[in-house]
Amino acid sequence: MAQALENLPAGLVWQGSHLARPPGNTLPTGFPALDAELPGGGWPAGALIELLAEHPGVGELSLLLPLMRSARAERWIACIAPPLLPYAPALAAAGVPLQRLLLVQPATAAETLWATRQATASGACALVLAWPSRPDTAALRRLQLAAEESATPLFLFRERGMARHASPAPLRLALAPTAGGLRIDILKRRGPPATRPVHLNWNGDAAAGAADASTAAPGRNGARHLALVG
């Protein structure tokens, strides 16, 4: 048995209190306190990552701003079926390359899953952000496989109540707004369970770029935008 374990890839084996190393590369989150709690010290580059919150606009885009800013110029940042429109002026001010931002609004839940899988599997996206409507386990497995095979980080935004249900995602985070920041509970990661939440402070963390996505700003014709305010 010991010999068999020795032959397993290092990222698939963890012992005691050590965080497992993901099978692929990792990408820094831009927040040292969060990196310290994630296997490999950052976002898994080829994996399905679930961000769960009670409602949209708790700070989820602010959490991803450093990764969005670092996207390579020739690759897309795909936003699929967002419940609120990303607020372009604030994203631009935060350094996100708007010319590489791809906004997709599918007509149905099935089309949302299809577009998410295609964008992830294409290899043309630096990252994919998607807001599907209660995908089943089989759909989640397909999305995880697409992310793994294309080495693309796929962020799925889901309702907080979905934490009760099992998921093939190797990383699941619960998000809750705090005064001037964000509380992150690591519900699932490779390795031992997390024992404490991570607290981010937008004003005190330079990596945040003075951004908090906790409000929805009104746009033209009554549209609602996910705003970044500092």
Protein backbone atom coordinates (compact mmCIF):
# COMPACT_ATOMS: atom_id res chain seq x y z
CA MET A 1 0.00 0.00 0.00
CA ALA A 2 2.79 2.43 0.89
CA GLN A 3 4.48 1.77 -2.44
CA ALA A 4 1.20 2.35 -4.28
CA LEU A 5 0.75 5.70 -2.53
CA GLU A 6 4.28 6.72 -3.45
CA ASN A 7 3.42 6.20 -7.11
CA LEU A 8 0.46 8.59 -7.00
CA PRO A 9 0.94 12.16 -8.33
CA ALA A 10 1.97 14.47 -5.51
CA GLY A 11 -1.07 16.71 -5.95
CA LEU A 12 -3.43 13.83 -5.23
CA VAL A 13 -1.93 12.93 -1.86
CA TRP A 14 -2.05 14.98 1.33
CA GLN A 15 -1.17 14.11 4.89
CA GLY A 16 -2.20 15.53 8.25
CA SER A 17 -2.42 19.31 8.26
CA HIS A 18 -0.63 19.86 4.94
CA LEU A 19 -2.52 21.46 2.07
CA ALA A 20 -2.51 19.34 -1.06
CA ARG A 21 -0.82 20.69 -4.16
CA PRO A 22 -3.32 20.98 -7.04
CA PRO A 23 -2.63 18.77 -10.09
CA GLY A 24 -1.98 21.85 -12.28
CA ASN A 25 -0.70 25.38 -11.88
CA THR A 26 -2.14 27.96 -9.53
CA LEU A 27 -2.76 31.67 -10.01
CA PRO A 28 -2.26 34.18 -7.16
CA THR A 29 -5.54 35.63 -5.91
CA GLY A 30 -3.89 38.96 -5.14
CA PHE A 31 -4.78 38.56 -1.46
CA PRO A 32 -1.96 36.99 0.63
CA ALA A 33 -4.33 35.97 3.44
CA LEU A 34 -6.44 33.98 1.00
CA ASP A 35 -3.45 32.54 -0.87
CA ALA A 36 -2.17 31.16 2.43
CA GLU A 37 -5.34 29.08 2.83
CA LEU A 38 -5.55 27.74 -0.72
CA PRO A 39 -3.70 24.64 -1.96
CA GLY A 40 -0.75 25.73 -4.08
CA GLY A 41 -1.10 29.31 -2.85
CA GLY A 42 -3.76 30.55 -5.26
CA TRP A 43 -6.67 29.80 -7.59
CA PRO A 44 -6.36 26.41 -9.32
CA ALA A 45 -5.68 27.21 -12.97
CA GLY A 46 -7.72 24.33 -14.37
CA ALA A 47 -10.67 23.74 -12.07
CA LEU A 48 -14.26 24.54 -11.28
CA ILE A 49 -14.39 27.05 -8.41
CA GLU A 50 -17.70 27.76 -6.70
CA LEU A 51 -18.39 31.12 -5.04
CA LEU A 52 -21.56 30.97 -2.96
CA ALA A 53 -23.43 33.98 -1.57
CA GLU A 54 -26.88 34.93 -0.31
CA HIS A 55 -27.33 37.36 -3.20
CA PRO A 56 -25.33 38.94 -6.05
CA GLY A 57 -23.16 41.96 -5.34
CA VAL A 58 -21.53 40.94 -2.05
CA GLY A 59 -18.01 41.57 -3.34
CA GLU A 60 -17.51 38.71 -5.76
CA LEU A 61 -16.11 40.81 -8.61
CA SER A 62 -13.80 42.66 -6.23
CA LEU A 63 -12.44 39.29 -5.13
CA LEU A 64 -11.59 38.46 -8.74
CA LEU A 65 -10.27 41.88 -9.80
CA PRO A 66 -6.57 41.01 -9.41
CA LEU A 67 -7.03 37.94 -11.61
CA MET A 68 -9.07 39.89 -14.16
CA ARG A 69 -6.41 42.61 -14.28
CA SER A 70 -3.68 40.08 -14.96
CA ALA A 71 -5.47 38.41 -17.88
CA ARG A 72 -3.25 38.09 -20.93
CA ALA A 73 -4.12 40.51 -23.72
CA GLU A 74 -4.88 37.81 -26.29
CA ARG A 75 -7.36 35.91 -24.10
CA TRP A 76 -10.94 36.66 -23.11
CA ILE A 77 -12.64 37.23 -19.76
CA ALA A 78 -16.03 35.59 -20.30
CA CYS A 79 -19.03 36.64 -18.18
CA ILE A 80 -21.97 34.34 -18.84
CA ALA A 81 -25.51 35.14 -17.63
CA PRO A 82 -24.59 37.66 -14.90
CA PRO A 83 -27.68 38.70 -12.89
CA LEU A 84 -26.40 42.30 -12.83
CA LEU A 85 -24.50 44.04 -15.59
CA PRO A 86 -20.80 44.55 -14.77
CA TYR A 87 -20.23 48.30 -14.39
CA ALA A 88 -17.74 49.02 -17.16
CA PRO A 89 -16.41 52.43 -15.97
CA ALA A 90 -15.47 51.02 -12.58
CA LEU A 91 -13.89 47.92 -14.10
CA ALA A 92 -11.83 50.09 -16.44
CA ALA A 93 -10.73 52.31 -13.56
CA ALA A 94 -9.64 49.18 -11.70
CA GLY A 95 -7.42 48.15 -14.61
CA VAL A 96 -9.56 45.44 -16.21
CA PRO A 97 -9.05 45.34 -20.03
CA LEU A 98 -12.60 45.99 -21.23
CA GLN A 99 -11.70 45.13 -24.82
CA ARG A 100 -11.19 41.53 -23.68
CA LEU A 101 -14.42 41.34 -21.66
CA LEU A 102 -16.95 39.03 -23.31
CA LEU A 103 -20.52 39.38 -21.99
CA VAL A 104 -22.92 36.55 -22.92
CA GLN A 105 -26.64 36.57 -22.02
CA PRO A 106 -28.13 33.19 -23.02
CA ALA A 107 -31.91 32.88 -23.27
CA THR A 108 -32.31 29.67 -21.28
CA ALA A 109 -30.66 27.73 -18.46
CA ALA A 110 -29.59 25.03 -20.91
CA GLU A 111 -27.96 27.62 -23.17
CA THR A 112 -26.15 29.08 -20.16
CA LEU A 113 -24.59 25.71 -19.36
CA TRP A 114 -23.72 25.14 -23.03
CA ALA A 115 -22.09 28.57 -23.38
CA THR A 116 -20.19 28.10 -20.12
CA ARG A 117 -18.82 24.74 -21.20
CA GLN A 118 -17.89 25.97 -24.68
CA ALA A 119 -16.12 29.08 -23.38
CA THR A 120 -14.20 27.02 -20.84
CA ALA A 121 -13.23 24.22 -23.22
CA SER A 122 -12.16 26.62 -25.99
CA GLY A 123 -8.89 27.56 -24.32
CA ALA A 124 -9.46 31.11 -25.58
CA CYS A 125 -10.43 32.50 -22.17
CA ALA A 126 -8.13 33.59 -19.36
CA LEU A 127 -11.02 32.91 -16.99
CA VAL A 128 -14.73 32.22 -17.20
CA LEU A 129 -17.35 33.64 -14.82
CA ALA A 130 -20.80 32.06 -14.98
CA TRP A 131 -24.12 32.32 -13.14
CA PRO A 132 -26.02 29.13 -14.07
CA SER A 133 -29.46 28.29 -12.70
CA ARG A 134 -29.07 25.29 -10.36
CA PRO A 135 -27.01 22.94 -12.55
CA ASP A 136 -27.25 19.26 -11.66
CA THR A 137 -24.30 17.09 -10.65
CA ALA A 138 -23.78 15.73 -14.15
CA ALA A 139 -23.56 19.26 -15.58
CA LEU A 140 -21.11 20.29 -12.86
CA ARG A 141 -18.92 17.28 -13.65
CA ARG A 142 -18.84 18.25 -17.32
CA LEU A 143 -17.85 21.80 -16.40
CA GLN A 144 -15.12 20.56 -14.07
CA LEU A 145 -13.77 18.30 -16.82
CA ALA A 146 -13.78 21.17 -19.34
CA ALA A 147 -11.87 23.40 -16.91
CA GLU A 148 -9.38 20.65 -16.16
CA GLU A 149 -8.70 19.75 -19.79
CA SER A 150 -8.31 23.38 -20.92
CA ALA A 151 -6.40 24.55 -17.81
CA THR A 152 -8.94 27.38 -17.48
CA PRO A 153 -10.23 28.66 -14.12
CA LEU A 154 -14.02 28.52 -14.17
CA PHE A 155 -15.82 30.50 -11.45
CA LEU A 156 -19.42 29.49 -10.83
CA PHE A 157 -21.57 31.85 -8.76
CA ARG A 158 -24.27 30.00 -6.82
CA GLU A 159 -26.78 30.57 -4.04
CA ARG A 160 -25.47 30.09 -0.52
CA GLY A 161 -28.03 27.36 0.11
CA MET A 162 -26.36 25.17 -2.52
CA ALA A 163 -23.58 24.52 -0.01
CA ARG A 164 -25.79 21.76 1.40
CA HIS A 165 -25.45 19.81 -1.83
CA ALA A 166 -22.38 17.87 -2.91
CA SER A 167 -20.35 19.21 -5.82
CA PRO A 168 -17.41 17.95 -7.90
CA ALA A 169 -15.79 21.40 -7.61
CA PRO A 170 -12.45 21.01 -5.80
CA LEU A 171 -12.77 24.51 -4.31
CA ARG A 172 -15.93 26.02 -2.79
CA LEU A 173 -15.99 29.38 -1.00
CA ALA A 174 -18.88 31.05 0.83
CA LEU A 175 -18.83 34.85 0.60
CA ALA A 176 -20.45 37.37 2.93
CA PRO A 177 -20.00 41.16 2.97
CA THR A 178 -18.53 42.86 6.02
CA ALA A 179 -18.02 46.52 6.85
CA GLY A 180 -15.55 47.54 4.15
CA GLY A 181 -14.60 44.03 3.16
CA LEU A 182 -15.48 40.40 2.66
CA ARG A 183 -15.64 37.28 4.80
CA ILE A 184 -14.65 34.06 3.04
CA ASP A 185 -15.46 30.64 4.48
CA ILE A 186 -13.61 27.83 2.72
CA LEU A 187 -16.22 25.09 2.50
CA LYS A 188 -14.12 22.70 0.45
CA ARG A 189 -10.52 22.51 -0.67
CA ARG A 190 -7.98 19.82 -1.45
CA GLY A 191 -6.43 18.84 1.86
CA PRO A 192 -7.65 19.28 5.44
CA PRO A 193 -10.78 21.31 6.19
CA ALA A 194 -10.32 25.02 6.89
CA THR A 195 -10.77 25.92 10.55
CA ARG A 196 -11.24 29.68 10.30
CA PRO A 197 -12.61 32.21 7.82
CA VAL A 198 -10.50 34.60 5.78
CA HIS A 199 -11.28 38.31 6.20
CA LEU A 200 -10.42 40.78 3.44
CA ASN A 201 -10.49 44.55 3.88
CA TRP A 202 -10.87 46.44 0.60
CA ASN A 203 -9.48 49.69 2.01
CA GLY A 204 -6.51 48.04 3.67
CA ASP A 205 -5.56 45.59 0.95
CA ALA A 206 -3.69 47.15 -1.96
CA ALA A 207 -4.47 44.15 -4.15
CA ALA A 208 -8.15 44.98 -4.07
CA GLY A 209 -7.57 48.16 -6.05
CA ALA A 210 -10.01 50.07 -3.81
CA ALA A 211 -12.92 48.04 -5.07
CA ASP A 212 -15.98 46.59 -3.43
CA ALA A 213 -18.72 45.01 -5.52
CA SER A 214 -21.37 45.18 -2.84
CA THR A 215 -23.74 47.61 -4.54
CA ALA A 216 -25.84 47.66 -7.67
CA ALA A 217 -25.73 50.99 -9.47
CA PRO A 218 -28.58 52.13 -11.71
CA GLY A 219 -27.77 52.35 -15.40
CA ARG A 220 -29.54 53.63 -18.46
CA ASN A 221 -33.12 52.54 -19.07
CA GLY A 222 -33.37 51.17 -15.54
CA ALA A 223 -30.63 48.56 -16.00
CA ARG A 224 -28.83 47.49 -12.87
CA HIS A 225 -25.05 47.29 -12.83
CA LEU A 226 -22.70 45.51 -10.50
CA ALA A 227 -20.71 48.46 -9.21
CA LEU A 228 -17.25 48.68 -7.71
CA VAL A 229 -17.01 51.33 -5.02
CA GLY A 230 -14.10 52.20 -2.82
